Protein backbone atom coordinates (compact mmCIF):
# COMPACT_ATOMS: atom_id res chain seq x y z
CA UNK A 1 0.03 0.00 0.01
CA UNK A 2 1.56 3.40 -1.00
CA UNK A 3 2.13 6.12 1.49
CA UNK A 4 -0.42 8.89 1.17
CA UNK A 5 0.76 12.46 0.70
CA UNK A 6 4.46 11.55 0.95
CA UNK A 7 5.83 14.72 -0.64
CA UNK A 8 5.80 18.16 1.00
CA UNK A 9 7.61 21.45 0.80
CA UNK A 10 6.87 22.11 4.55
CA UNK A 11 10.16 22.25 6.60
CA UNK A 12 10.33 19.40 9.29
CA UNK A 13 10.82 22.01 12.05
CA UNK A 14 7.38 23.47 11.20
CA UNK A 15 5.79 20.07 11.33
CA UNK A 16 7.43 19.33 14.77
CA UNK A 17 6.29 22.64 16.05
CA UNK A 18 2.61 21.94 14.90
CA UNK A 19 2.77 18.53 16.57
CA UNK A 20 4.01 20.04 19.78
CA UNK A 21 1.11 22.62 19.75
CA UNK A 22 -1.51 19.99 19.07
CA UNK A 23 -0.21 17.84 21.92
CA UNK A 24 -0.23 20.83 24.30
CA UNK A 25 -3.81 21.71 23.42
CA UNK A 26 -4.81 18.08 23.97
CA UNK A 27 -3.37 18.05 27.50
CA UNK A 28 0.21 16.77 27.13
CA UNK A 29 2.11 17.42 30.45
CA UNK A 30 5.42 17.49 28.56
CA UNK A 31 6.72 17.28 24.96
CA UNK A 32 10.33 16.83 23.89
CA UNK A 33 12.05 16.11 20.55
CA UNK A 34 15.22 13.90 20.13
CA UNK A 35 17.64 15.06 17.44
CA UNK A 36 20.57 13.49 15.60
CA UNK A 37 22.75 15.48 13.28
CA UNK A 38 20.18 18.34 13.51
CA UNK A 39 17.20 16.32 12.41
CA UNK A 40 14.31 15.17 14.58
CA UNK A 41 14.43 11.43 15.34
CA UNK A 42 11.59 11.06 17.87
CA UNK A 43 8.91 12.94 19.72
CA UNK A 44 8.17 12.06 23.34
CA UNK A 45 5.22 13.31 25.40
CA UNK A 46 3.23 12.56 28.44
CA UNK A 47 -0.53 12.45 29.19
CA UNK A 48 -2.37 11.87 32.39
CA UNK A 49 -5.25 9.43 32.03
CA UNK A 50 -7.29 9.47 35.19
CA UNK A 51 -4.64 9.66 37.85
CA UNK A 52 -2.14 7.68 35.80
CA UNK A 53 0.71 9.51 34.05
CA UNK A 54 1.59 7.79 30.72
CA UNK A 55 4.66 8.52 28.67
CA UNK A 56 4.90 7.87 24.86
CA UNK A 57 7.87 8.00 22.54
CA UNK A 58 7.20 8.09 18.79
CA UNK A 59 10.45 7.42 16.75
CA UNK A 60 10.85 8.55 13.21
CA UNK A 61 11.38 5.64 10.87
CA UNK A 62 13.13 7.47 8.07
CA UNK A 63 14.83 4.29 6.69
CA UNK A 64 11.54 2.36 6.72
CA UNK A 65 9.61 5.09 4.99
CA UNK A 66 12.46 5.47 2.38
CA UNK A 67 12.30 1.75 1.71
CA UNK A 68 8.48 1.80 1.40
CA UNK A 69 8.66 4.71 -1.15
CA UNK A 70 11.28 2.87 -3.22
CA UNK A 71 9.13 -0.29 -3.25
CA UNK A 72 6.05 1.84 -4.22
CA UNK A 73 7.98 3.55 -6.96
CA UNK A 74 9.33 0.30 -8.48
CA UNK A 75 5.94 -1.31 -8.18
CA UNK A 76 4.20 1.52 -10.01
CA UNK A 77 6.91 1.50 -12.69
CA UNK A 78 6.35 -2.25 -13.22
CA UNK A 79 2.65 -1.78 -13.64
CA UNK A 80 3.16 0.82 -16.37
CA UNK A 81 5.08 -1.69 -18.50
């Protein structure tokens, strides 16, 4: 299954900022971003559900997405033949 809307001209820092703002509006108690070589590699945040604080970490899977895009590109090229 191809990845929907996989191209963008939006800078990744703007996307990260928008994600942080959404999490804050939805009640996140904290939000942090992990970076490697100046690029975001994960977003971590916490929510309190009832009395229970729960932490989440969402890693970026750049390699996995790149592989999926390559497969989709080669698959669509094969269908055109």
